[in-house]
């Protein structure tokens, strides 16, 4: 069953899906890795814009707090996202 998005015409979506089906598992993993990295870079840009100049560690903690739950952040990194901000 194909699910169509509202911003991509159906004929283009079919081409994309066919391309994904023809990709090897390694190619798919590489694509996911690249997209994840792009999302992280966008999140870091937002963090830098919102918090200004801050250390690399603080940037990484704020980034991690977007993916990890509060209890894990406190337990592992002693960082409370509710107190410090995301």
PDB file of N, CA and C in Angstrom:
ATOM      1  N   UNK A   1       0.836  -1.184   0.000  1.00  0.00           N
ATOM      2  CA  UNK A   1       0.000   0.000   0.000  1.00  0.00           C
ATOM      3  C   UNK A   1       0.884   1.252   0.000  1.00  0.00           C
ATOM      4  N   UNK A   2       0.661   2.111  -0.926  1.00  0.00           N
ATOM      5  CA  UNK A   2       1.414   3.358  -1.020  1.00  0.00           C
ATOM      6  C   UNK A   2       0.671   4.463  -0.286  1.00  0.00           C
ATOM      7  N   UNK A   3       1.406   5.257   0.453  1.00  0.00           N
ATOM      8  CA  UNK A   3       0.840   6.404   1.129  1.00  0.00           C
ATOM      9  C   UNK A   3       1.461   7.641   0.486  1.00  0.00           C
ATOM     10  N   UNK A   4       0.627   8.539   0.048  1.00  0.00           N
ATOM     11  CA  UNK A   4       1.123   9.719  -0.644  1.00  0.00           C
ATOM     12  C   UNK A   4       1.169  10.922   0.280  1.00  0.00           C
ATOM     13  N   UNK A   5       2.196  11.728   0.091  1.00  0.00           N
ATOM     14  CA  UNK A   5       2.299  12.972   0.841  1.00  0.00           C
ATOM     15  C   UNK A   5       1.593  14.065   0.057  1.00  0.00           C
ATOM     16  N   UNK A   6       1.283  15.121   0.735  1.00  0.00           N
ATOM     17  CA  UNK A   6       0.559  16.221   0.091  1.00  0.00           C
ATOM     18  C   UNK A   6       1.470  17.135  -0.716  1.00  0.00           C
ATOM     19  N   UNK A   7       2.784  17.068  -0.456  1.00  0.00           N
ATOM     20  CA  UNK A   7       3.687  17.990  -1.136  1.00  0.00           C
ATOM     21  C   UNK A   7       4.450  17.355  -2.297  1.00  0.00           C
ATOM     22  N   UNK A   8       4.188  16.087  -2.565  1.00  0.00           N
ATOM     23  CA  UNK A   8       4.867  15.402  -3.661  1.00  0.00           C
ATOM     24  C   UNK A   8       3.828  14.791  -4.592  1.00  0.00           C
ATOM     25  N   UNK A   9       3.884  15.130  -5.864  1.00  0.00           N
ATOM     26  CA  UNK A   9       2.916  14.558  -6.804  1.00  0.00           C
ATOM     27  C   UNK A   9       3.026  13.024  -6.828  1.00  0.00           C
ATOM     28  N   UNK A  10       1.911  12.329  -6.994  1.00  0.00           N
ATOM     29  CA  UNK A  10       1.906  10.863  -6.975  1.00  0.00           C
ATOM     30  C   UNK A  10       2.900  10.226  -7.948  1.00  0.00           C
ATOM     31  N   UNK A  11       3.049  10.763  -9.153  1.00  0.00           N
ATOM     32  CA  UNK A  11       3.965  10.136 -10.113  1.00  0.00           C
ATOM     33  C   UNK A  11       5.428  10.275  -9.657  1.00  0.00           C
ATOM     34  N   UNK A  12       5.757  11.369  -8.980  1.00  0.00           N
ATOM     35  CA  UNK A  12       7.103  11.542  -8.440  1.00  0.00           C
ATOM     36  C   UNK A  12       7.310  10.602  -7.249  1.00  0.00           C
ATOM     37  N   UNK A  13       6.296  10.474  -6.418  1.00  0.00           N
ATOM     38  CA  UNK A  13       6.380   9.569  -5.265  1.00  0.00           C
ATOM     39  C   UNK A  13       6.636   8.137  -5.734  1.00  0.00           C
ATOM     40  N   UNK A  14       6.001   7.718  -6.808  1.00  0.00           N
ATOM     41  CA  UNK A  14       6.215   6.364  -7.340  1.00  0.00           C
ATOM     42  C   UNK A  14       7.662   6.171  -7.789  1.00  0.00           C
ATOM     43  N   UNK A  15       8.229   7.202  -8.404  1.00  0.00           N
ATOM     44  CA  UNK A  15       9.631   7.141  -8.836  1.00  0.00           C
ATOM     45  C   UNK A  15      10.554   7.016  -7.623  1.00  0.00           C
ATOM     46  N   UNK A  16      10.282   7.803  -6.583  1.00  0.00           N
ATOM     47  CA  UNK A  16      11.086   7.742  -5.363  1.00  0.00           C
ATOM     48  C   UNK A  16      11.021   6.359  -4.722  1.00  0.00           C
ATOM     49  N   UNK A  17       9.821   5.823  -4.606  1.00  0.00           N
ATOM     50  CA  UNK A  17       9.653   4.508  -3.986  1.00  0.00           C
ATOM     51  C   UNK A  17      10.365   3.437  -4.802  1.00  0.00           C
ATOM     52  N   UNK A  18      10.266   3.507  -6.104  1.00  0.00           N
ATOM     53  CA  UNK A  18      10.967   2.541  -6.955  1.00  0.00           C
ATOM     54  C   UNK A  18      12.477   2.653  -6.739  1.00  0.00           C
ATOM     55  N   UNK A  19      12.966   3.865  -6.614  1.00  0.00           N
ATOM     56  CA  UNK A  19      14.397   4.069  -6.367  1.00  0.00           C
ATOM     57  C   UNK A  19      14.821   3.472  -5.037  1.00  0.00           C
ATOM     58  N   UNK A  20      14.007   3.678  -3.996  1.00  0.00           N
ATOM     59  CA  UNK A  20      14.324   3.101  -2.682  1.00  0.00           C
ATOM     60  C   UNK A  20      14.303   1.580  -2.729  1.00  0.00           C
ATOM     61  N   UNK A  21      13.381   1.014  -3.458  1.00  0.00           N
ATOM     62  CA  UNK A  21      13.297  -0.446  -3.563  1.00  0.00           C
ATOM     63  C   UNK A  21      14.517  -1.028  -4.275  1.00  0.00           C
ATOM     64  N   UNK A  22      15.108  -0.270  -5.170  1.00  0.00           N
ATOM     65  CA  UNK A  22      16.278  -0.743  -5.908  1.00  0.00           C
ATOM     66  C   UNK A  22      17.598  -0.529  -5.166  1.00  0.00           C
ATOM     67  N   UNK A  23      17.550   0.179  -4.049  1.00  0.00           N
ATOM     68  CA  UNK A  23      18.764   0.437  -3.286  1.00  0.00           C
ATOM     69  C   UNK A  23      19.157  -0.798  -2.476  1.00  0.00           C
ATOM     70  N   UNK A  24      20.457  -0.993  -2.328  1.00  0.00           N
ATOM     71  CA  UNK A  24      20.952  -2.075  -1.471  1.00  0.00           C
ATOM     72  C   UNK A  24      20.743  -1.671  -0.012  1.00  0.00           C
ATOM     73  N   UNK A  25      20.787  -2.630   0.899  1.00  0.00           N
ATOM     74  CA  UNK A  25      20.682  -2.272   2.319  1.00  0.00           C
ATOM     75  C   UNK A  25      21.758  -1.263   2.745  1.00  0.00           C
ATOM     76  N   UNK A  26      22.967  -1.428   2.224  1.00  0.00           N
ATOM     77  CA  UNK A  26      24.043  -0.496   2.561  1.00  0.00           C
ATOM     78  C   UNK A  26      23.723   0.919   2.080  1.00  0.00           C
ATOM     79  N   UNK A  27      23.163   1.030   0.893  1.00  0.00           N
ATOM     80  CA  UNK A  27      22.791   2.348   0.369  1.00  0.00           C
ATOM     81  C   UNK A  27      21.686   2.978   1.216  1.00  0.00           C
ATOM     82  N   UNK A  28      20.732   2.154   1.644  1.00  0.00           N
ATOM     83  CA  UNK A  28      19.646   2.667   2.491  1.00  0.00           C
ATOM     84  C   UNK A  28      20.198   3.152   3.826  1.00  0.00           C
ATOM     85  N   UNK A  29      21.092   2.378   4.427  1.00  0.00           N
ATOM     86  CA  UNK A  29      21.688   2.798   5.694  1.00  0.00           C
ATOM     87  C   UNK A  29      22.490   4.084   5.536  1.00  0.00           C
ATOM     88  N   UNK A  30      23.207   4.194   4.432  1.00  0.00           N
ATOM     89  CA  UNK A  30      23.968   5.418   4.174  1.00  0.00           C
ATOM     90  C   UNK A  30      23.021   6.609   4.040  1.00  0.00           C
ATOM     91  N   UNK A  31      21.919   6.432   3.354  1.00  0.00           N
ATOM     92  CA  UNK A  31      20.938   7.514   3.171  1.00  0.00           C
ATOM     93  C   UNK A  31      20.346   7.930   4.516  1.00  0.00           C
ATOM     94  N   UNK A  32      19.988   6.954   5.344  1.00  0.00           N
ATOM     95  CA  UNK A  32      19.437   7.258   6.670  1.00  0.00           C
ATOM     96  C   UNK A  32      20.466   8.007   7.508  1.00  0.00           C
ATOM     97  N   UNK A  33      21.706   7.560   7.458  1.00  0.00           N
ATOM     98  CA  UNK A  33      22.776   8.220   8.200  1.00  0.00           C
ATOM     99  C   UNK A  33      22.947   9.668   7.742  1.00  0.00           C
ATOM    100  N   UNK A  34      22.936   9.889   6.444  1.00  0.00           N
ATOM    101  CA  UNK A  34      23.074  11.245   5.902  1.00  0.00           C
ATOM    102  C   UNK A  34      21.903  12.136   6.320  1.00  0.00           C
ATOM    103  N   UNK A  35      20.702  11.593   6.277  1.00  0.00           N
ATOM    104  CA  UNK A  35      19.529  12.378   6.671  1.00  0.00           C
ATOM    105  C   UNK A  35      19.535  12.679   8.166  1.00  0.00           C
ATOM    106  N   UNK A  36      19.962  11.711   8.969  1.00  0.00           N
ATOM    107  CA  UNK A  36      20.071  11.938  10.409  1.00  0.00           C
ATOM    108  C   UNK A  36      21.067  13.037  10.703  1.00  0.00           C
ATOM    109  N   UNK A  37      22.193  13.000  10.025  1.00  0.00           N
ATOM    110  CA  UNK A  37      23.224  14.036  10.215  1.00  0.00           C
ATOM    111  C   UNK A  37      22.695  15.415   9.804  1.00  0.00           C
ATOM    112  N   UNK A  38      21.932  15.465   8.732  1.00  0.00           N
ATOM    113  CA  UNK A  38      21.352  16.736   8.286  1.00  0.00           C
ATOM    114  C   UNK A  38      20.385  17.287   9.339  1.00  0.00           C
ATOM    115  N   UNK A  39      19.568  16.420   9.910  1.00  0.00           N
ATOM    116  CA  UNK A  39      18.631  16.845  10.955  1.00  0.00           C
ATOM    117  C   UNK A  39      19.394  17.347  12.172  1.00  0.00           C
ATOM    118  N   UNK A  40      20.463  16.666  12.538  1.00  0.00           N
ATOM    119  CA  UNK A  40      21.283  17.097  13.668  1.00  0.00           C
ATOM    120  C   UNK A  40      21.906  18.465  13.407  1.00  0.00           C
ATOM    121  N   UNK A  41      22.379  18.687  12.193  1.00  0.00           N
ATOM    122  CA  UNK A  41      22.974  19.979  11.850  1.00  0.00           C
ATOM    123  C   UNK A  41      21.940  21.100  11.932  1.00  0.00           C
ATOM    124  N   UNK A  42      20.721  20.825  11.480  1.00  0.00           N
ATOM    125  CA  UNK A  42      19.645  21.824  11.594  1.00  0.00           C
ATOM    126  C   UNK A  42      19.323  22.107  13.059  1.00  0.00           C
ATOM    127  N   UNK A  43      19.272  21.060  13.869  1.00  0.00           N
ATOM    128  CA  UNK A  43      19.000  21.233  15.296  1.00  0.00           C
ATOM    129  C   UNK A  43      20.119  22.039  15.962  1.00  0.00           C
ATOM    130  N   UNK A  44      21.365  21.751  15.611  1.00  0.00           N
ATOM    131  CA  UNK A  44      22.485  22.522  16.160  1.00  0.00           C
ATOM    132  C   UNK A  44      22.422  23.985  15.741  1.00  0.00           C
ATOM    133  N   UNK A  45      22.007  24.246  14.531  1.00  0.00           N
ATOM    134  CA  UNK A  45      21.861  25.633  14.079  1.00  0.00           C
ATOM    135  C   UNK A  45      20.807  26.354  14.922  1.00  0.00           C
ATOM    136  N   UNK A  46      19.708  25.673  15.224  1.00  0.00           N
ATOM    137  CA  UNK A  46      18.667  26.272  16.068  1.00  0.00           C
ATOM    138  C   UNK A  46      19.205  26.517  17.470  1.00  0.00           C
ATOM    139  N   UNK A  47      19.946  25.558  18.009  1.00  0.00           N
ATOM    140  CA  UNK A  47      20.522  25.706  19.352  1.00  0.00           C
ATOM    141  C   UNK A  47      21.462  26.910  19.389  1.00  0.00           C
ATOM    142  N   UNK A  48      22.318  27.036  18.399  1.00  0.00           N
ATOM    143  CA  UNK A  48      23.270  28.163  18.359  1.00  0.00           C
ATOM    144  C   UNK A  48      22.541  29.497  18.239  1.00  0.00           C
ATOM    145  N   UNK A  49      21.502  29.509  17.441  1.00  0.00           N
ATOM    146  CA  UNK A  49      20.733  30.744  17.269  1.00  0.00           C
ATOM    147  C   UNK A  49      20.017  31.123  18.564  1.00  0.00           C
ATOM    148  N   UNK A  50      19.453  30.133  19.220  1.00  0.00           N
ATOM    149  CA  UNK A  50      18.670  30.403  20.429  1.00  0.00           C
ATOM    150  C   UNK A  50      19.544  30.728  21.637  1.00  0.00           C
ATOM    151  N   UNK A  51      20.656  29.998  21.809  1.00  0.00           N
ATOM    152  CA  UNK A  51      21.485  30.145  23.006  1.00  0.00           C
ATOM    153  C   UNK A  51      22.756  30.957  22.775  1.00  0.00           C
ATOM    154  N   UNK A  52      23.031  31.323  21.553  1.00  0.00           N
ATOM    155  CA  UNK A  52      24.225  32.111  21.281  1.00  0.00           C
ATOM    156  C   UNK A  52      25.493  31.294  21.457  1.00  0.00           C
ATOM    157  N   UNK A  53      26.548  31.962  21.842  1.00  0.00           N
ATOM    158  CA  UNK A  53      27.834  31.287  22.007  1.00  0.00           C
ATOM    159  C   UNK A  53      27.785  30.419  23.263  1.00  0.00           C
ATOM    160  N   UNK A  54      28.025  29.132  23.067  1.00  0.00           N
ATOM    161  CA  UNK A  54      28.124  28.206  24.191  1.00  0.00           C
ATOM    162  C   UNK A  54      29.135  27.127  23.819  1.00  0.00           C
ATOM    163  N   UNK A  55      29.599  26.432  24.830  1.00  0.00           N
ATOM    164  CA  UNK A  55      30.650  25.446  24.605  1.00  0.00           C
ATOM    165  C   UNK A  55      30.149  24.300  23.719  1.00  0.00           C
ATOM    166  N   UNK A  56      31.108  23.600  23.137  1.00  0.00           N
ATOM    167  CA  UNK A  56      30.788  22.427  22.321  1.00  0.00           C
ATOM    168  C   UNK A  56      30.034  21.398  23.159  1.00  0.00           C
ATOM    169  N   UNK A  57      30.450  21.210  24.408  1.00  0.00           N
ATOM    170  CA  UNK A  57      29.790  20.253  25.300  1.00  0.00           C
ATOM    171  C   UNK A  57      28.327  20.643  25.520  1.00  0.00           C
ATOM    172  N   UNK A  58      28.085  21.914  25.788  1.00  0.00           N
ATOM    173  CA  UNK A  58      26.715  22.370  26.004  1.00  0.00           C
ATOM    174  C   UNK A  58      25.871  22.176  24.747  1.00  0.00           C
ATOM    175  N   UNK A  59      26.441  22.470  23.601  1.00  0.00           N
ATOM    176  CA  UNK A  59      25.702  22.256  22.352  1.00  0.00           C
ATOM    177  C   UNK A  59      25.330  20.782  22.188  1.00  0.00           C
ATOM    178  N   UNK A  60      26.289  19.890  22.471  1.00  0.00           N
ATOM    179  CA  UNK A  60      26.042  18.462  22.329  1.00  0.00           C
ATOM    180  C   UNK A  60      25.012  17.968  23.352  1.00  0.00           C
ATOM    181  N   UNK A  61      25.047  18.504  24.563  1.00  0.00           N
ATOM    182  CA  UNK A  61      24.056  18.129  25.569  1.00  0.00           C
ATOM    183  C   UNK A  61      22.661  18.586  25.163  1.00  0.00           C
ATOM    184  N   UNK A  62      22.570  19.791  24.672  1.00  0.00           N
ATOM    185  CA  UNK A  62      21.262  20.284  24.220  1.00  0.00           C
ATOM    186  C   UNK A  62      20.755  19.452  23.039  1.00  0.00           C
ATOM    187  N   UNK A  63      21.650  19.075  22.149  1.00  0.00           N
ATOM    188  CA  UNK A  63      21.274  18.227  21.021  1.00  0.00           C
ATOM    189  C   UNK A  63      20.815  16.858  21.521  1.00  0.00           C
ATOM    190  N   UNK A  64      21.582  16.261  22.425  1.00  0.00           N
ATOM    191  CA  UNK A  64      21.212  14.942  22.959  1.00  0.00           C
ATOM    192  C   UNK A  64      19.866  14.997  23.664  1.00  0.00           C
ATOM    193  N   UNK A  65      19.577  16.105  24.316  1.00  0.00           N
ATOM    194  CA  UNK A  65      18.316  16.207  25.052  1.00  0.00           C
ATOM    195  C   UNK A  65      17.095  16.248  24.134  1.00  0.00           C
ATOM    196  N   UNK A  66      17.333  16.481  22.854  1.00  0.00           N
ATOM    197  CA  UNK A  66      16.221  16.420  21.892  1.00  0.00           C
ATOM    198  C   UNK A  66      15.846  14.979  21.562  1.00  0.00           C
ATOM    199  N   UNK A  67      16.779  14.044  21.769  1.00  0.00           N
ATOM    200  CA  UNK A  67      16.558  12.640  21.428  1.00  0.00           C
ATOM    201  C   UNK A  67      16.371  11.733  22.639  1.00  0.00           C
ATOM    202  N   UNK A  68      16.975  12.111  23.753  1.00  0.00           N
ATOM    203  CA  UNK A  68      16.929  11.263  24.941  1.00  0.00           C
ATOM    204  C   UNK A  68      15.924  11.811  25.948  1.00  0.00           C
ATOM    205  N   UNK A  69      15.340  10.914  26.737  1.00  0.00           N
ATOM    206  CA  UNK A  69      14.375  11.359  27.730  1.00  0.00           C
ATOM    207  C   UNK A  69      15.083  12.046  28.901  1.00  0.00           C
ATOM    208  N   UNK A  70      14.329  12.797  29.666  1.00  0.00           N
ATOM    209  CA  UNK A  70      14.868  13.601  30.760  1.00  0.00           C
ATOM    210  C   UNK A  70      15.620  12.748  31.779  1.00  0.00           C
ATOM    211  N   UNK A  71      15.041  11.626  32.185  1.00  0.00           N
ATOM    212  CA  UNK A  71      15.690  10.780  33.189  1.00  0.00           C
ATOM    213  C   UNK A  71      17.062  10.294  32.721  1.00  0.00           C
ATOM    214  N   UNK A  72      17.159   9.912  31.472  1.00  0.00           N
ATOM    215  CA  UNK A  72      18.446   9.466  30.924  1.00  0.00           C
ATOM    216  C   UNK A  72      19.449  10.605  30.907  1.00  0.00           C
ATOM    217  N   UNK A  73      19.016  11.782  30.501  1.00  0.00           N
ATOM    218  CA  UNK A  73      19.920  12.940  30.466  1.00  0.00           C
ATOM    219  C   UNK A  73      20.461  13.248  31.865  1.00  0.00           C
ATOM    220  N   UNK A  74      19.608  13.167  32.865  1.00  0.00           N
ATOM    221  CA  UNK A  74      20.051  13.451  34.228  1.00  0.00           C
ATOM    222  C   UNK A  74      20.980  12.347  34.724  1.00  0.00           C
ATOM    223  N   UNK A  75      20.590  11.102  34.521  1.00  0.00           N
ATOM    224  CA  UNK A  75      21.358   9.967  35.028  1.00  0.00           C
ATOM    225  C   UNK A  75      22.736   9.871  34.372  1.00  0.00           C
ATOM    226  N   UNK A  76      22.780  10.012  33.061  1.00  0.00           N
ATOM    227  CA  UNK A  76      24.033   9.806  32.327  1.00  0.00           C
ATOM    228  C   UNK A  76      24.897  11.067  32.275  1.00  0.00           C
ATOM    229  N   UNK A  77      24.265  12.210  32.073  1.00  0.00           N
ATOM    230  CA  UNK A  77      25.036  13.443  31.837  1.00  0.00           C
ATOM    231  C   UNK A  77      24.899  14.497  32.940  1.00  0.00           C
ATOM    232  N   UNK A  78      24.062  14.212  33.956  1.00  0.00           N
ATOM    233  CA  UNK A  78      23.766  15.197  35.006  1.00  0.00           C
ATOM    234  C   UNK A  78      23.275  16.512  34.392  1.00  0.00           C
ATOM    235  N   UNK A  79      22.419  16.396  33.405  1.00  0.00           N
ATOM    236  CA  UNK A  79      21.890  17.543  32.674  1.00  0.00           C
ATOM    237  C   UNK A  79      20.367  17.446  32.683  1.00  0.00           C
ATOM    238  N   UNK A  80      19.721  18.427  33.274  1.00  0.00           N
ATOM    239  CA  UNK A  80      18.261  18.434  33.334  1.00  0.00           C
ATOM    240  C   UNK A  80      17.730  19.373  32.252  1.00  0.00           C
ATOM    241  N   UNK A  81      17.193  18.817  31.175  1.00  0.00           N
ATOM    242  CA  UNK A  81      16.712  19.657  30.081  1.00  0.00           C
ATOM    243  C   UNK A  81      15.599  20.627  30.502  1.00  0.00           C
ATOM    244  N   UNK A  82      14.787  20.229  31.475  1.00  0.00           N
ATOM    245  CA  UNK A  82      13.732  21.140  31.937  1.00  0.00           C
ATOM    246  C   UNK A  82      14.320  22.360  32.641  1.00  0.00           C
ATOM    247  N   UNK A  83      15.442  22.167  33.317  1.00  0.00           N
ATOM    248  CA  UNK A  83      16.100  23.268  34.013  1.00  0.00           C
ATOM    249  C   UNK A  83      16.996  24.079  33.068  1.00  0.00           C
ATOM    250  N   UNK A  84      17.782  23.374  32.257  1.00  0.00           N
ATOM    251  CA  UNK A  84      18.784  24.007  31.399  1.00  0.00           C
ATOM    252  C   UNK A  84      18.229  24.488  30.057  1.00  0.00           C
ATOM    253  N   UNK A  85      17.177  23.842  29.599  1.00  0.00           N
ATOM    254  CA  UNK A  85      16.618  24.141  28.285  1.00  0.00           C
ATOM    255  C   UNK A  85      17.066  23.127  27.267  1.00  0.00           C
ATOM    256  N   UNK A  86      16.320  23.026  26.203  1.00  0.00           N
ATOM    257  CA  UNK A  86      16.603  22.027  25.163  1.00  0.00           C
ATOM    258  C   UNK A  86      17.465  22.614  24.091  1.00  0.00           C
TER     259      UNK A  86
END
